[in-house]
Amino acid sequence: MASEPDRLRPAARALVLDPDDRILLVRFAFPWVDYPVWAPPGGGLEPGETAEAGIRRELAEEVGLVDCTLGPVVWVREARWEQASALGPFDGQRERIFLVRTPAFEPRPRLDEEELRRELVTGVRWWTLAEIGAETEARFVPLALHAHLRELLRHGPPDEPLLVGF
């Protein structure tokens, strides 16, 4: 019996950190959950697009960050979910997550409100590690964002990308 082909959409995200180690996260309103989901900016790659080009496009679209220096890929995440109809033929995503250090800035997405809504984006804000740890109503992506970010801030980028789970 042949195995089912890989149906994970290639994607890229960025851990955008300012000099105070705050992380910039995007708020998603997924229709299949009743709580906000905060995740690093990023998303699916266009056909033929590299992860580096894709994350640069996503950073400009979602938060207005352009001309940044991409650091290493520090995490890798595979996410599969039943509600994948929003992803067309895909059952989930395989994400390469880059580290981006930047001065603090006021996020100004290049996409207009209607385009952001189509992407299910409903907000952008800077978070401290303490705020993430204290949050009780929202969920974060990856689910162990607080623990993984704490380790990254404490020890720096890993030698090889860390598989961070769902």
N, C-alpha and C. Protein backbone atom coordinates (compact mmCIF):
# COMPACT_ATOMS: atom_id res chain seq x y z
N MET A 1 0.85 -1.18 0.00
CA MET A 1 0.00 0.00 0.00
C MET A 1 0.89 1.24 0.00
N ALA A 2 0.66 2.17 -0.90
CA ALA A 2 1.47 3.38 -1.01
C ALA A 2 1.15 4.33 0.13
N SER A 3 2.17 5.03 0.60
CA SER A 3 1.94 6.00 1.66
C SER A 3 1.32 7.26 1.07
N GLU A 4 0.59 7.98 1.91
CA GLU A 4 -0.04 9.23 1.47
C GLU A 4 1.03 10.29 1.26
N PRO A 5 0.95 11.07 0.19
CA PRO A 5 1.97 12.09 -0.06
C PRO A 5 1.91 13.19 1.01
N ASP A 6 3.05 13.83 1.21
CA ASP A 6 3.16 14.93 2.16
C ASP A 6 2.29 16.09 1.68
N ARG A 7 1.34 16.52 2.52
CA ARG A 7 0.44 17.61 2.15
C ARG A 7 0.61 18.79 3.10
N LEU A 8 1.85 19.05 3.52
CA LEU A 8 2.13 20.19 4.39
C LEU A 8 2.61 21.37 3.54
N ARG A 9 1.97 22.50 3.74
CA ARG A 9 2.35 23.71 3.00
C ARG A 9 3.68 24.23 3.54
N PRO A 10 4.65 24.53 2.68
CA PRO A 10 5.88 25.15 3.17
C PRO A 10 5.60 26.57 3.63
N ALA A 11 6.17 26.95 4.77
CA ALA A 11 5.89 28.26 5.35
C ALA A 11 7.12 28.79 6.06
N ALA A 12 7.10 30.07 6.38
CA ALA A 12 8.17 30.70 7.13
C ALA A 12 7.56 31.69 8.12
N ARG A 13 8.17 31.77 9.28
CA ARG A 13 7.78 32.73 10.32
C ARG A 13 9.04 33.39 10.85
N ALA A 14 8.86 34.47 11.63
CA ALA A 14 10.01 35.17 12.21
C ALA A 14 9.75 35.50 13.66
N LEU A 15 10.74 35.22 14.49
CA LEU A 15 10.75 35.70 15.87
C LEU A 15 11.37 37.08 15.81
N VAL A 16 10.53 38.11 15.78
CA VAL A 16 11.00 39.50 15.69
C VAL A 16 11.19 40.00 17.11
N LEU A 17 12.45 40.24 17.48
CA LEU A 17 12.78 40.67 18.84
C LEU A 17 13.40 42.05 18.82
N ASP A 18 12.98 42.91 19.76
CA ASP A 18 13.55 44.25 19.86
C ASP A 18 14.69 44.23 20.89
N PRO A 19 15.39 45.36 21.10
CA PRO A 19 16.51 45.38 22.05
C PRO A 19 16.13 45.05 23.49
N ASP A 20 14.84 45.20 23.84
CA ASP A 20 14.37 44.84 25.19
C ASP A 20 13.87 43.40 25.25
N ASP A 21 14.14 42.62 24.21
CA ASP A 21 13.72 41.22 24.11
C ASP A 21 12.20 41.04 24.07
N ARG A 22 11.49 42.09 23.66
CA ARG A 22 10.06 41.91 23.40
C ARG A 22 9.91 41.21 22.05
N ILE A 23 8.86 40.41 21.92
CA ILE A 23 8.60 39.70 20.67
C ILE A 23 7.34 40.27 20.02
N LEU A 24 7.40 40.45 18.72
CA LEU A 24 6.26 40.96 17.96
C LEU A 24 5.42 39.78 17.50
N LEU A 25 4.15 39.77 17.91
CA LEU A 25 3.25 38.67 17.55
C LEU A 25 2.02 39.21 16.83
N VAL A 26 1.46 38.37 15.99
CA VAL A 26 0.26 38.68 15.21
C VAL A 26 -0.90 37.91 15.81
N ARG A 27 -2.05 38.60 15.95
CA ARG A 27 -3.26 37.97 16.50
C ARG A 27 -4.11 37.44 15.35
N PHE A 28 -4.44 36.15 15.45
CA PHE A 28 -5.30 35.51 14.46
C PHE A 28 -6.64 35.17 15.11
N ALA A 29 -7.71 35.34 14.35
CA ALA A 29 -9.06 34.96 14.79
C ALA A 29 -9.51 33.80 13.91
N PHE A 30 -9.16 32.59 14.32
CA PHE A 30 -9.56 31.41 13.55
C PHE A 30 -11.02 31.10 13.86
N PRO A 31 -11.85 30.89 12.84
CA PRO A 31 -13.28 30.67 13.07
C PRO A 31 -13.59 29.37 13.80
N TRP A 32 -12.66 28.45 13.88
CA TRP A 32 -12.93 27.15 14.51
C TRP A 32 -12.53 27.11 15.98
N VAL A 33 -12.03 28.24 16.54
CA VAL A 33 -11.74 28.31 17.98
C VAL A 33 -12.36 29.57 18.55
N ASP A 34 -12.63 29.55 19.86
CA ASP A 34 -13.28 30.70 20.49
C ASP A 34 -12.32 31.51 21.35
N TYR A 35 -11.05 31.52 21.01
CA TYR A 35 -10.05 32.29 21.73
C TYR A 35 -9.07 32.87 20.71
N PRO A 36 -8.42 33.98 21.07
CA PRO A 36 -7.43 34.54 20.16
C PRO A 36 -6.16 33.68 20.13
N VAL A 37 -5.51 33.66 18.99
CA VAL A 37 -4.25 32.93 18.81
C VAL A 37 -3.19 33.94 18.38
N TRP A 38 -2.10 34.00 19.15
CA TRP A 38 -0.99 34.89 18.85
C TRP A 38 0.17 34.06 18.32
N ALA A 39 0.73 34.48 17.20
CA ALA A 39 1.81 33.72 16.56
C ALA A 39 2.83 34.69 15.97
N PRO A 40 4.05 34.21 15.78
CA PRO A 40 5.03 35.04 15.07
C PRO A 40 4.53 35.35 13.66
N PRO A 41 4.84 36.54 13.14
CA PRO A 41 4.42 36.86 11.78
C PRO A 41 5.01 35.88 10.78
N GLY A 42 4.24 35.64 9.73
CA GLY A 42 4.70 34.73 8.68
C GLY A 42 3.53 34.00 8.08
N GLY A 43 3.85 33.06 7.22
CA GLY A 43 2.80 32.28 6.58
C GLY A 43 3.33 31.45 5.44
N GLY A 44 2.42 30.97 4.64
CA GLY A 44 2.76 30.07 3.55
C GLY A 44 3.58 30.73 2.46
N LEU A 45 4.43 29.92 1.84
CA LEU A 45 5.26 30.39 0.74
C LEU A 45 4.49 30.32 -0.57
N GLU A 46 4.73 31.27 -1.43
CA GLU A 46 4.17 31.26 -2.78
C GLU A 46 4.93 30.22 -3.60
N PRO A 47 4.32 29.67 -4.66
CA PRO A 47 5.03 28.70 -5.50
C PRO A 47 6.36 29.27 -6.00
N GLY A 48 7.43 28.52 -5.80
CA GLY A 48 8.76 28.94 -6.24
C GLY A 48 9.47 29.91 -5.32
N GLU A 49 8.81 30.35 -4.26
CA GLU A 49 9.38 31.34 -3.34
C GLU A 49 10.28 30.64 -2.32
N THR A 50 11.45 31.22 -2.03
CA THR A 50 12.30 30.68 -0.98
C THR A 50 11.76 31.09 0.38
N ALA A 51 12.19 30.39 1.43
CA ALA A 51 11.76 30.75 2.78
C ALA A 51 12.21 32.17 3.12
N GLU A 52 13.41 32.54 2.70
CA GLU A 52 13.91 33.89 2.98
C GLU A 52 13.07 34.96 2.28
N ALA A 53 12.75 34.75 1.02
CA ALA A 53 11.91 35.71 0.30
C ALA A 53 10.50 35.74 0.88
N GLY A 54 9.98 34.58 1.25
CA GLY A 54 8.64 34.50 1.81
C GLY A 54 8.51 35.23 3.13
N ILE A 55 9.50 35.06 4.02
CA ILE A 55 9.38 35.74 5.31
C ILE A 55 9.55 37.25 5.14
N ARG A 56 10.38 37.67 4.21
CA ARG A 56 10.50 39.12 3.96
C ARG A 56 9.15 39.68 3.47
N ARG A 57 8.49 38.97 2.57
CA ARG A 57 7.18 39.41 2.08
C ARG A 57 6.17 39.45 3.21
N GLU A 58 6.12 38.37 4.01
CA GLU A 58 5.16 38.30 5.12
C GLU A 58 5.40 39.39 6.15
N LEU A 59 6.67 39.66 6.48
CA LEU A 59 6.97 40.72 7.46
C LEU A 59 6.49 42.08 6.96
N ALA A 60 6.68 42.35 5.68
CA ALA A 60 6.20 43.62 5.12
C ALA A 60 4.68 43.68 5.16
N GLU A 61 4.03 42.59 4.73
CA GLU A 61 2.56 42.58 4.65
C GLU A 61 1.91 42.68 6.03
N GLU A 62 2.36 41.86 6.98
CA GLU A 62 1.66 41.73 8.27
C GLU A 62 2.06 42.78 9.30
N VAL A 63 3.33 43.22 9.30
CA VAL A 63 3.77 44.15 10.35
C VAL A 63 4.47 45.39 9.82
N GLY A 64 4.74 45.45 8.51
CA GLY A 64 5.39 46.63 7.94
C GLY A 64 6.89 46.66 8.12
N LEU A 65 7.51 45.54 8.44
CA LEU A 65 8.96 45.50 8.62
C LEU A 65 9.62 45.19 7.28
N VAL A 66 10.49 46.10 6.84
CA VAL A 66 11.22 45.91 5.58
C VAL A 66 12.71 46.14 5.85
N ASP A 67 13.52 45.66 4.95
CA ASP A 67 14.98 45.87 5.03
C ASP A 67 15.58 45.40 6.34
N CYS A 68 15.10 44.29 6.86
CA CYS A 68 15.66 43.74 8.09
C CYS A 68 16.71 42.69 7.75
N THR A 69 17.56 42.40 8.72
CA THR A 69 18.55 41.34 8.57
C THR A 69 17.96 40.06 9.14
N LEU A 70 17.88 39.04 8.30
CA LEU A 70 17.40 37.74 8.77
C LEU A 70 18.52 37.03 9.49
N GLY A 71 18.23 36.57 10.70
CA GLY A 71 19.16 35.73 11.42
C GLY A 71 18.96 34.28 11.02
N PRO A 72 19.47 33.37 11.83
CA PRO A 72 19.36 31.95 11.50
C PRO A 72 17.95 31.41 11.70
N VAL A 73 17.68 30.28 11.07
CA VAL A 73 16.47 29.52 11.39
C VAL A 73 16.73 28.88 12.74
N VAL A 74 15.94 29.26 13.75
CA VAL A 74 16.17 28.76 15.11
C VAL A 74 15.20 27.66 15.50
N TRP A 75 14.02 27.65 14.89
CA TRP A 75 13.01 26.64 15.20
C TRP A 75 12.42 26.11 13.90
N VAL A 76 11.91 24.89 13.98
CA VAL A 76 11.12 24.29 12.91
C VAL A 76 9.84 23.78 13.55
N ARG A 77 8.73 23.99 12.88
CA ARG A 77 7.43 23.58 13.44
C ARG A 77 6.60 22.92 12.36
N GLU A 78 6.03 21.77 12.69
CA GLU A 78 5.07 21.12 11.81
C GLU A 78 3.72 21.14 12.50
N ALA A 79 2.74 21.65 11.79
CA ALA A 79 1.39 21.74 12.36
C ALA A 79 0.42 21.09 11.40
N ARG A 80 -0.34 20.16 11.92
CA ARG A 80 -1.41 19.52 11.14
C ARG A 80 -2.71 19.75 11.91
N TRP A 81 -3.77 20.00 11.18
CA TRP A 81 -5.05 20.22 11.84
C TRP A 81 -6.19 19.80 10.93
N GLU A 82 -7.30 19.51 11.56
CA GLU A 82 -8.48 19.05 10.83
C GLU A 82 -9.13 20.17 10.03
N GLN A 83 -9.04 21.39 10.50
CA GLN A 83 -9.70 22.52 9.86
C GLN A 83 -8.82 23.11 8.77
N ALA A 84 -8.21 22.28 7.96
CA ALA A 84 -7.25 22.74 6.96
C ALA A 84 -7.91 23.27 5.69
N SER A 85 -9.22 23.34 5.64
CA SER A 85 -9.87 23.81 4.41
C SER A 85 -9.41 25.20 4.02
N ALA A 86 -8.99 26.01 4.99
CA ALA A 86 -8.48 27.35 4.69
C ALA A 86 -7.17 27.27 3.92
N LEU A 87 -6.51 26.13 3.95
CA LEU A 87 -5.23 25.97 3.27
C LEU A 87 -5.37 25.26 1.93
N GLY A 88 -6.58 25.14 1.44
CA GLY A 88 -6.78 24.48 0.15
C GLY A 88 -6.40 23.01 0.21
N PRO A 89 -5.45 22.58 -0.62
CA PRO A 89 -5.12 21.16 -0.68
C PRO A 89 -4.22 20.67 0.44
N PHE A 90 -3.88 21.53 1.39
CA PHE A 90 -2.91 21.17 2.43
C PHE A 90 -3.59 20.73 3.72
N ASP A 91 -2.90 19.87 4.46
CA ASP A 91 -3.37 19.39 5.76
C ASP A 91 -2.72 20.12 6.93
N GLY A 92 -1.84 21.05 6.64
CA GLY A 92 -1.12 21.76 7.69
C GLY A 92 0.05 22.51 7.09
N GLN A 93 1.02 22.86 7.95
CA GLN A 93 2.18 23.64 7.52
C GLN A 93 3.46 23.07 8.10
N ARG A 94 4.54 23.25 7.36
CA ARG A 94 5.89 22.99 7.86
C ARG A 94 6.60 24.35 7.82
N GLU A 95 6.91 24.88 9.00
CA GLU A 95 7.42 26.25 9.12
C GLU A 95 8.90 26.26 9.50
N ARG A 96 9.65 27.10 8.81
CA ARG A 96 11.02 27.45 9.21
C ARG A 96 10.89 28.80 9.92
N ILE A 97 11.40 28.89 11.14
CA ILE A 97 11.21 30.09 11.96
C ILE A 97 12.55 30.79 12.15
N PHE A 98 12.66 31.97 11.56
CA PHE A 98 13.89 32.77 11.58
C PHE A 98 13.94 33.66 12.82
N LEU A 99 15.14 33.99 13.26
CA LEU A 99 15.35 34.99 14.29
C LEU A 99 15.64 36.32 13.60
N VAL A 100 14.93 37.37 14.00
CA VAL A 100 15.13 38.71 13.45
C VAL A 100 15.27 39.67 14.62
N ARG A 101 16.44 40.28 14.75
CA ARG A 101 16.66 41.32 15.76
C ARG A 101 16.50 42.67 15.07
N THR A 102 15.72 43.56 15.69
CA THR A 102 15.44 44.85 15.07
C THR A 102 15.19 45.89 16.16
N PRO A 103 15.44 47.15 15.86
CA PRO A 103 14.99 48.19 16.79
C PRO A 103 13.47 48.13 16.92
N ALA A 104 12.96 48.58 18.07
CA ALA A 104 11.51 48.64 18.25
C ALA A 104 10.92 49.58 17.19
N PHE A 105 9.72 49.25 16.73
CA PHE A 105 9.03 50.08 15.75
C PHE A 105 7.54 49.91 15.95
N GLU A 106 6.79 50.86 15.42
CA GLU A 106 5.33 50.78 15.46
C GLU A 106 4.87 49.95 14.27
N PRO A 107 4.26 48.78 14.51
CA PRO A 107 3.83 47.94 13.39
C PRO A 107 2.79 48.65 12.53
N ARG A 108 3.03 48.65 11.23
CA ARG A 108 2.10 49.24 10.26
C ARG A 108 2.01 48.28 9.07
N PRO A 109 1.07 47.33 9.15
CA PRO A 109 0.95 46.35 8.06
C PRO A 109 0.75 47.03 6.71
N ARG A 110 1.32 46.44 5.68
CA ARG A 110 1.13 46.94 4.32
C ARG A 110 -0.21 46.50 3.74
N LEU A 111 -0.75 45.41 4.26
CA LEU A 111 -2.07 44.97 3.82
C LEU A 111 -3.13 45.87 4.44
N ASP A 112 -4.21 46.15 3.71
CA ASP A 112 -5.29 46.94 4.30
C ASP A 112 -6.15 46.04 5.20
N GLU A 113 -7.10 46.66 5.91
CA GLU A 113 -7.90 45.91 6.88
C GLU A 113 -8.65 44.74 6.26
N GLU A 114 -9.19 44.93 5.07
CA GLU A 114 -9.92 43.84 4.41
C GLU A 114 -8.99 42.68 4.07
N GLU A 115 -7.80 43.00 3.56
CA GLU A 115 -6.84 41.95 3.23
C GLU A 115 -6.38 41.22 4.49
N LEU A 116 -6.17 41.95 5.57
CA LEU A 116 -5.77 41.32 6.83
C LEU A 116 -6.87 40.40 7.34
N ARG A 117 -8.13 40.84 7.25
CA ARG A 117 -9.26 40.00 7.68
C ARG A 117 -9.31 38.70 6.89
N ARG A 118 -9.06 38.79 5.57
CA ARG A 118 -9.03 37.57 4.75
C ARG A 118 -7.94 36.62 5.22
N GLU A 119 -6.86 37.18 5.75
CA GLU A 119 -5.75 36.37 6.29
C GLU A 119 -6.02 35.97 7.74
N LEU A 120 -7.18 36.38 8.28
CA LEU A 120 -7.61 36.11 9.66
C LEU A 120 -6.78 36.87 10.70
N VAL A 121 -6.07 37.91 10.27
CA VAL A 121 -5.24 38.73 11.16
C VAL A 121 -6.10 39.83 11.76
N THR A 122 -6.10 39.94 13.09
CA THR A 122 -6.92 40.95 13.76
C THR A 122 -6.11 41.87 14.68
N GLY A 123 -4.80 41.74 14.70
CA GLY A 123 -4.00 42.62 15.53
C GLY A 123 -2.53 42.26 15.49
N VAL A 124 -1.71 43.21 15.95
CA VAL A 124 -0.27 43.02 16.06
C VAL A 124 0.18 43.76 17.31
N ARG A 125 1.04 43.14 18.12
CA ARG A 125 1.58 43.87 19.27
C ARG A 125 2.87 43.24 19.76
N TRP A 126 3.61 44.03 20.52
CA TRP A 126 4.83 43.57 21.18
C TRP A 126 4.46 42.93 22.52
N TRP A 127 5.10 41.82 22.85
CA TRP A 127 4.88 41.10 24.11
C TRP A 127 6.21 40.91 24.84
N THR A 128 6.18 41.02 26.16
CA THR A 128 7.33 40.61 26.95
C THR A 128 7.18 39.13 27.30
N LEU A 129 8.27 38.52 27.69
CA LEU A 129 8.21 37.12 28.11
C LEU A 129 7.26 36.97 29.30
N ALA A 130 7.32 37.91 30.24
CA ALA A 130 6.44 37.86 31.42
C ALA A 130 4.97 37.95 31.02
N GLU A 131 4.64 38.81 30.06
CA GLU A 131 3.25 38.93 29.61
C GLU A 131 2.76 37.63 28.98
N ILE A 132 3.61 36.99 28.20
CA ILE A 132 3.22 35.71 27.59
C ILE A 132 2.96 34.68 28.69
N GLY A 133 3.84 34.62 29.68
CA GLY A 133 3.68 33.66 30.77
C GLY A 133 2.44 33.91 31.61
N ALA A 134 2.01 35.16 31.70
CA ALA A 134 0.86 35.51 32.54
C ALA A 134 -0.48 35.44 31.80
N GLU A 135 -0.45 35.38 30.48
CA GLU A 135 -1.69 35.40 29.69
C GLU A 135 -2.51 34.14 29.92
N THR A 136 -3.81 34.32 30.18
CA THR A 136 -4.67 33.16 30.47
C THR A 136 -5.79 32.95 29.45
N GLU A 137 -6.10 33.95 28.64
CA GLU A 137 -7.23 33.82 27.71
C GLU A 137 -6.82 33.47 26.29
N ALA A 138 -5.63 33.86 25.88
CA ALA A 138 -5.18 33.61 24.51
C ALA A 138 -4.32 32.35 24.46
N ARG A 139 -4.12 31.86 23.25
CA ARG A 139 -3.18 30.76 23.01
C ARG A 139 -2.05 31.30 22.16
N PHE A 140 -0.91 30.66 22.27
CA PHE A 140 0.27 31.07 21.52
C PHE A 140 0.73 29.94 20.61
N VAL A 141 1.36 30.32 19.51
CA VAL A 141 1.93 29.37 18.56
C VAL A 141 3.42 29.67 18.47
N PRO A 142 4.25 28.65 18.73
CA PRO A 142 3.89 27.30 19.17
C PRO A 142 3.30 27.33 20.58
N LEU A 143 2.63 26.24 20.95
CA LEU A 143 1.97 26.20 22.26
C LEU A 143 2.95 26.45 23.40
N ALA A 144 4.19 25.98 23.25
CA ALA A 144 5.21 26.18 24.29
C ALA A 144 6.08 27.40 23.98
N LEU A 145 5.48 28.44 23.37
CA LEU A 145 6.23 29.64 23.02
C LEU A 145 6.99 30.20 24.21
N HIS A 146 6.34 30.31 25.35
CA HIS A 146 6.98 30.89 26.53
C HIS A 146 8.27 30.15 26.88
N ALA A 147 8.20 28.83 26.98
CA ALA A 147 9.38 28.03 27.36
C ALA A 147 10.47 28.10 26.29
N HIS A 148 10.09 27.97 25.03
CA HIS A 148 11.10 28.00 23.96
C HIS A 148 11.75 29.38 23.85
N LEU A 149 10.96 30.44 23.98
CA LEU A 149 11.50 31.79 23.90
C LEU A 149 12.42 32.07 25.09
N ARG A 150 12.02 31.62 26.26
CA ARG A 150 12.86 31.80 27.45
C ARG A 150 14.24 31.16 27.22
N GLU A 151 14.26 29.94 26.68
CA GLU A 151 15.53 29.25 26.42
C GLU A 151 16.35 29.98 25.35
N LEU A 152 15.69 30.47 24.32
CA LEU A 152 16.39 31.20 23.27
C LEU A 152 17.02 32.47 23.84
N LEU A 153 16.29 33.20 24.66
CA LEU A 153 16.82 34.43 25.25
C LEU A 153 17.94 34.14 26.23
N ARG A 154 17.85 33.04 26.94
CA ARG A 154 18.85 32.66 27.94
C ARG A 154 20.14 32.15 27.29
N HIS A 155 20.02 31.32 26.24
CA HIS A 155 21.18 30.62 25.70
C HIS A 155 21.56 31.03 24.28
N GLY A 156 20.76 31.87 23.63
CA GLY A 156 21.05 32.26 22.26
C GLY A 156 20.56 31.21 21.27
N PRO A 157 20.79 31.48 19.99
CA PRO A 157 20.33 30.55 18.95
C PRO A 157 20.99 29.17 19.09
N PRO A 158 20.23 28.12 18.84
CA PRO A 158 20.80 26.77 18.90
C PRO A 158 21.71 26.52 17.69
N ASP A 159 22.60 25.54 17.81
CA ASP A 159 23.47 25.17 16.69
C ASP A 159 22.67 24.65 15.51
N GLU A 160 21.61 23.92 15.79
CA GLU A 160 20.70 23.38 14.78
C GLU A 160 19.29 23.81 15.14
N PRO A 161 18.42 24.05 14.17
CA PRO A 161 17.04 24.45 14.50
C PRO A 161 16.37 23.43 15.42
N LEU A 162 15.65 23.96 16.39
CA LEU A 162 14.93 23.15 17.37
C LEU A 162 13.53 22.84 16.84
N LEU A 163 13.12 21.57 16.90
CA LEU A 163 11.76 21.18 16.54
C LEU A 163 10.86 21.55 17.71
N VAL A 164 9.95 22.50 17.51
CA VAL A 164 9.18 23.05 18.62
C VAL A 164 7.78 22.48 18.77
N GLY A 165 7.35 21.62 17.90
CA GLY A 165 6.03 21.02 18.06
C GLY A 165 4.91 21.97 17.72
N PHE A 166 3.68 21.51 17.92
CA PHE A 166 2.50 22.26 17.54
C PHE A 166 2.38 23.49 18.41
